[in-house]
PDB file of N, CA and C in Angstrom:
ATOM      1  N   MET A   1      -8.981  22.169 -28.124  1.00  0.00           N
ATOM      2  CA  MET A   1      -8.316  20.541 -28.676  1.00  0.00           C
ATOM      3  C   MET A   1      -7.546  20.265 -27.628  1.00  0.00           C
ATOM      4  N   GLN A   2      -7.244  18.927 -27.531  1.00  0.00           N
ATOM      5  CA  GLN A   2      -5.784  18.297 -27.413  1.00  0.00           C
ATOM      6  C   GLN A   2      -5.034  17.847 -27.727  1.00  0.00           C
ATOM      7  N   THR A   3      -4.307  18.300 -27.576  1.00  0.00           N
ATOM      8  CA  THR A   3      -2.614  17.814 -28.607  1.00  0.00           C
ATOM      9  C   THR A   3      -2.351  16.221 -27.987  1.00  0.00           C
ATOM     10  N   PRO A   4      -1.856  14.951 -28.386  1.00  0.00           N
ATOM     11  CA  PRO A   4      -1.635  14.024 -28.381  1.00  0.00           C
ATOM     12  C   PRO A   4      -0.333  13.974 -27.157  1.00  0.00           C
ATOM     13  N   ASP A   5       0.254  15.012 -27.526  1.00  0.00           N
ATOM     14  CA  ASP A   5       0.787  15.107 -25.729  1.00  0.00           C
ATOM     15  C   ASP A   5       0.105  15.359 -24.769  1.00  0.00           C
ATOM     16  N   ASN A   6      -0.357  16.240 -24.788  1.00  0.00           N
ATOM     17  CA  ASN A   6      -1.229  16.261 -23.717  1.00  0.00           C
ATOM     18  C   ASN A   6      -1.975  15.110 -23.232  1.00  0.00           C
ATOM     19  N   ASP A   7      -2.662  14.363 -24.184  1.00  0.00           N
ATOM     20  CA  ASP A   7      -3.311  13.023 -24.019  1.00  0.00           C
ATOM     21  C   ASP A   7      -2.089  12.051 -23.491  1.00  0.00           C
ATOM     22  N   LYS A   8      -1.487  12.299 -23.968  1.00  0.00           N
ATOM     23  CA  LYS A   8      -0.534  11.119 -23.376  1.00  0.00           C
ATOM     24  C   LYS A   8       0.082  11.636 -21.784  1.00  0.00           C
ATOM     25  N   LEU A   9       0.423  13.342 -21.542  1.00  0.00           N
ATOM     26  CA  LEU A   9       0.580  12.924 -20.193  1.00  0.00           C
ATOM     27  C   LEU A   9      -0.346  13.223 -18.823  1.00  0.00           C
ATOM     28  N   TRP A  10      -1.856  13.525 -19.529  1.00  0.00           N
ATOM     29  CA  TRP A  10      -2.864  12.892 -19.072  1.00  0.00           C
ATOM     30  C   TRP A  10      -3.246  11.264 -18.093  1.00  0.00           C
ATOM     31  N   ARG A  11      -2.863  10.670 -19.486  1.00  0.00           N
ATOM     32  CA  ARG A  11      -2.758   9.568 -19.363  1.00  0.00           C
ATOM     33  C   ARG A  11      -1.779   8.594 -18.278  1.00  0.00           C
ATOM     34  N   ILE A  12      -0.420   9.586 -17.608  1.00  0.00           N
ATOM     35  CA  ILE A  12       1.184   8.746 -17.769  1.00  0.00           C
ATOM     36  C   ILE A  12       0.417   9.894 -16.147  1.00  0.00           C
ATOM     37  N   ALA A  13      -0.252  11.004 -15.488  1.00  0.00           N
ATOM     38  CA  ALA A  13      -1.024  11.161 -14.999  1.00  0.00           C
ATOM     39  C   ALA A  13      -2.251  10.439 -14.005  1.00  0.00           C
ATOM     40  N   LYS A  14      -3.000  10.488 -14.542  1.00  0.00           N
ATOM     41  CA  LYS A  14      -4.014   9.178 -14.216  1.00  0.00           C
ATOM     42  C   LYS A  14      -3.569   7.711 -13.743  1.00  0.00           C
ATOM     43  N   LYS A  15      -2.471   7.255 -14.711  1.00  0.00           N
ATOM     44  CA  LYS A  15      -1.640   6.020 -13.571  1.00  0.00           C
ATOM     45  C   LYS A  15      -1.070   6.277 -12.140  1.00  0.00           C
ATOM     46  N   ARG A  16      -0.479   7.468 -12.184  1.00  0.00           N
ATOM     47  CA  ARG A  16       0.550   8.124 -11.322  1.00  0.00           C
ATOM     48  C   ARG A  16      -0.388   7.641 -10.213  1.00  0.00           C
ATOM     49  N   ALA A  17      -2.226   8.494 -10.177  1.00  0.00           N
ATOM     50  CA  ALA A  17      -2.619   8.865  -9.515  1.00  0.00           C
ATOM     51  C   ALA A  17      -2.861   7.225  -8.765  1.00  0.00           C
ATOM     52  N   ASN A  18      -3.984   6.834  -9.810  1.00  0.00           N
ATOM     53  CA  ASN A  18      -4.097   5.216  -9.644  1.00  0.00           C
ATOM     54  C   ASN A  18      -3.382   4.559  -8.170  1.00  0.00           C
ATOM     55  N   PHE A  19      -2.105   4.433  -9.255  1.00  0.00           N
ATOM     56  CA  PHE A  19      -0.983   3.893  -8.253  1.00  0.00           C
ATOM     57  C   PHE A  19      -0.632   4.091  -6.797  1.00  0.00           C
ATOM     58  N   LYS A  20      -0.535   6.080  -6.517  1.00  0.00           N
ATOM     59  CA  LYS A  20      -1.081   5.829  -5.079  1.00  0.00           C
ATOM     60  C   LYS A  20      -1.573   5.947  -3.859  1.00  0.00           C
ATOM     61  N   LYS A  21      -2.868   5.994  -4.765  1.00  0.00           N
ATOM     62  CA  LYS A  21      -4.314   5.606  -4.266  1.00  0.00           C
ATOM     63  C   LYS A  21      -3.807   4.413  -4.112  1.00  0.00           C
ATOM     64  N   SER A  22      -3.637   2.723  -4.962  1.00  0.00           N
ATOM     65  CA  SER A  22      -3.290   2.070  -4.912  1.00  0.00           C
ATOM     66  C   SER A  22      -2.537   1.646  -3.798  1.00  0.00           C
ATOM     67  N   ALA A  23      -1.242   2.821  -4.194  1.00  0.00           N
ATOM     68  CA  ALA A  23      -0.680   1.738  -2.604  1.00  0.00           C
ATOM     69  C   ALA A  23      -0.876   3.038  -0.895  1.00  0.00           C
ATOM     70  N   PHE A  24      -1.610   3.420  -0.974  1.00  0.00           N
ATOM     71  CA  PHE A  24      -2.189   4.166   0.059  1.00  0.00           C
ATOM     72  C   PHE A  24      -3.171   3.018   0.717  1.00  0.00           C
ATOM     73  N   ALA A  25      -3.984   2.565   0.292  1.00  0.00           N
ATOM     74  CA  ALA A  25      -4.537   1.424   0.361  1.00  0.00           C
ATOM     75  C   ALA A  25      -4.151   0.457   1.116  1.00  0.00           C
ATOM     76  N   TYR A  26      -3.077  -0.254   0.748  1.00  0.00           N
ATOM     77  CA  TYR A  26      -2.032  -1.083   0.999  1.00  0.00           C
ATOM     78  C   TYR A  26      -1.478  -0.671   2.263  1.00  0.00           C
ATOM     79  N   VAL A  27      -1.239  -0.271   2.335  1.00  0.00           N
ATOM     80  CA  VAL A  27      -0.452   0.639   3.832  1.00  0.00           C
ATOM     81  C   VAL A  27      -1.514   0.538   4.773  1.00  0.00           C
ATOM     82  N   VAL A  28      -2.701   0.936   4.353  1.00  0.00           N
ATOM     83  CA  VAL A  28      -3.748   1.338   5.584  1.00  0.00           C
ATOM     84  C   VAL A  28      -4.542  -0.416   6.082  1.00  0.00           C
ATOM     85  N   VAL A  29      -4.626  -1.018   4.847  1.00  0.00           N
ATOM     86  CA  VAL A  29      -4.822  -2.469   5.569  1.00  0.00           C
ATOM     87  C   VAL A  29      -4.393  -3.202   5.903  1.00  0.00           C
ATOM     88  N   ASN A  30      -2.608  -3.321   6.159  1.00  0.00           N
ATOM     89  CA  ASN A  30      -1.538  -3.782   6.283  1.00  0.00           C
ATOM     90  C   ASN A  30      -1.224  -3.193   7.785  1.00  0.00           C
ATOM     91  N   ILE A  31      -1.441  -1.837   7.763  1.00  0.00           N
ATOM     92  CA  ILE A  31      -1.383  -1.384   9.206  1.00  0.00           C
ATOM     93  C   ILE A  31      -2.756  -1.761   9.744  1.00  0.00           C
ATOM     94  N   PHE A  32      -3.612  -2.073   9.533  1.00  0.00           N
ATOM     95  CA  PHE A  32      -4.937  -2.311  10.203  1.00  0.00           C
ATOM     96  C   PHE A  32      -5.002  -3.431  10.881  1.00  0.00           C
ATOM     97  N   LEU A  33      -4.226  -4.924   9.342  1.00  0.00           N
ATOM     98  CA  LEU A  33      -4.376  -5.879   9.953  1.00  0.00           C
ATOM     99  C   LEU A  33      -3.121  -6.697  10.961  1.00  0.00           C
ATOM    100  N   TRP A  34      -2.352  -5.818  10.813  1.00  0.00           N
ATOM    101  CA  TRP A  34      -0.791  -6.051  11.813  1.00  0.00           C
ATOM    102  C   TRP A  34      -1.384  -5.705  13.461  1.00  0.00           C
ATOM    103  N   THR A  35      -2.527  -4.273  13.197  1.00  0.00           N
ATOM    104  CA  THR A  35      -3.547  -3.945  14.569  1.00  0.00           C
ATOM    105  C   THR A  35      -4.460  -4.886  14.946  1.00  0.00           C
ATOM    106  N   ILE A  36      -4.907  -5.864  13.887  1.00  0.00           N
ATOM    107  CA  ILE A  36      -5.870  -6.668  14.681  1.00  0.00           C
ATOM    108  C   ILE A  36      -4.825  -7.678  15.346  1.00  0.00           C
ATOM    109  N   TYR A  37      -3.901  -8.053  15.004  1.00  0.00           N
ATOM    110  CA  TYR A  37      -2.936  -9.433  15.270  1.00  0.00           C
ATOM    111  C   TYR A  37      -2.483  -8.969  16.537  1.00  0.00           C
ATOM    112  N   TRP A  38      -1.989  -7.906  16.791  1.00  0.00           N
ATOM    113  CA  TRP A  38      -1.442  -6.771  17.786  1.00  0.00           C
ATOM    114  C   TRP A  38      -2.034  -7.105  18.555  1.00  0.00           C
ATOM    115  N   ILE A  39      -3.507  -6.930  18.695  1.00  0.00           N
ATOM    116  CA  ILE A  39      -4.418  -7.234  19.380  1.00  0.00           C
ATOM    117  C   ILE A  39      -5.097  -8.224  20.180  1.00  0.00           C
ATOM    118  N   THR A  40      -5.042  -9.464  19.027  1.00  0.00           N
ATOM    119  CA  THR A  40      -5.709 -10.419  19.877  1.00  0.00           C
ATOM    120  C   THR A  40      -4.654 -11.677  20.028  1.00  0.00           C
ATOM    121  N   HIS A  41      -3.131 -11.599  19.838  1.00  0.00           N
ATOM    122  CA  HIS A  41      -2.165 -12.335  20.021  1.00  0.00           C
ATOM    123  C   HIS A  41      -0.917 -11.552  21.216  1.00  0.00           C
ATOM    124  N   GLY A  42      -1.705 -10.410  21.037  1.00  0.00           N
ATOM    125  CA  GLY A  42      -0.288  -9.326  22.174  1.00  0.00           C
ATOM    126  C   GLY A  42       0.844  -9.567  20.960  1.00  0.00           C
ATOM    127  N   TYR A  43       1.478  -8.488  21.902  1.00  0.00           N
ATOM    128  CA  TYR A  43       3.197  -8.543  21.616  1.00  0.00           C
ATOM    129  C   TYR A  43       3.903  -9.829  21.592  1.00  0.00           C
ATOM    130  N   GLU A  44       3.356 -10.236  22.985  1.00  0.00           N
ATOM    131  CA  GLU A  44       4.236 -11.781  22.910  1.00  0.00           C
ATOM    132  C   GLU A  44       4.269 -12.950  21.829  1.00  0.00           C
ATOM    133  N   GLY A  45       2.905 -12.734  21.068  1.00  0.00           N
ATOM    134  CA  GLY A  45       2.708 -13.857  20.440  1.00  0.00           C
ATOM    135  C   GLY A  45       3.436 -14.073  19.178  1.00  0.00           C
ATOM    136  N   PHE A  46       4.997 -12.622  18.624  1.00  0.00           N
ATOM    137  CA  PHE A  46       6.022 -13.136  17.104  1.00  0.00           C
ATOM    138  C   PHE A  46       6.695 -12.797  17.825  1.00  0.00           C
ATOM    139  N   GLU A  47       7.939 -14.182  17.882  1.00  0.00           N
ATOM    140  CA  GLU A  47       8.204 -14.764  17.944  1.00  0.00           C
ATOM    141  C   GLU A  47       9.504 -14.777  16.822  1.00  0.00           C
ATOM    142  N   PHE A  48      11.041 -14.040  16.908  1.00  0.00           N
ATOM    143  CA  PHE A  48      11.959 -14.712  16.069  1.00  0.00           C
ATOM    144  C   PHE A  48      12.691 -15.587  16.995  1.00  0.00           C
ATOM    145  N   LYS A  49      12.869 -16.589  15.765  1.00  0.00           N
ATOM    146  CA  LYS A  49      13.272 -18.167  15.771  1.00  0.00           C
ATOM    147  C   LYS A  49      14.901 -18.201  15.319  1.00  0.00           C
ATOM    148  N   ALA A  50      15.476 -17.670  16.409  1.00  0.00           N
ATOM    149  CA  ALA A  50      17.058 -17.934  15.563  1.00  0.00           C
ATOM    150  C   ALA A  50      17.382 -19.984  15.192  1.00  0.00           C
ATOM    151  N   SER A  51      17.996 -19.769  14.586  1.00  0.00           N
ATOM    152  CA  SER A  51      18.477 -21.021  13.973  1.00  0.00           C
ATOM    153  C   SER A  51      20.346 -20.934  14.353  1.00  0.00           C
ATOM    154  N   ALA A  52      19.816 -22.354  15.046  1.00  0.00           N
ATOM    155  CA  ALA A  52      21.734 -22.580  15.684  1.00  0.00           C
ATOM    156  C   ALA A  52      21.770 -23.736  15.775  1.00  0.00           C
TER     157      ALA A  52
END
């Protein structure tokens, strides 16, 4: 039988694991999108405009 503390720890561990999966997916998708942008527009496609 599991104790209430053990159940609480399992819930915390599951939330932490889900966050890590979501964070990893976010990073992978953003790298993919930036790669597509870089391939289609090239390095010169992105310019910083200085306000003067």
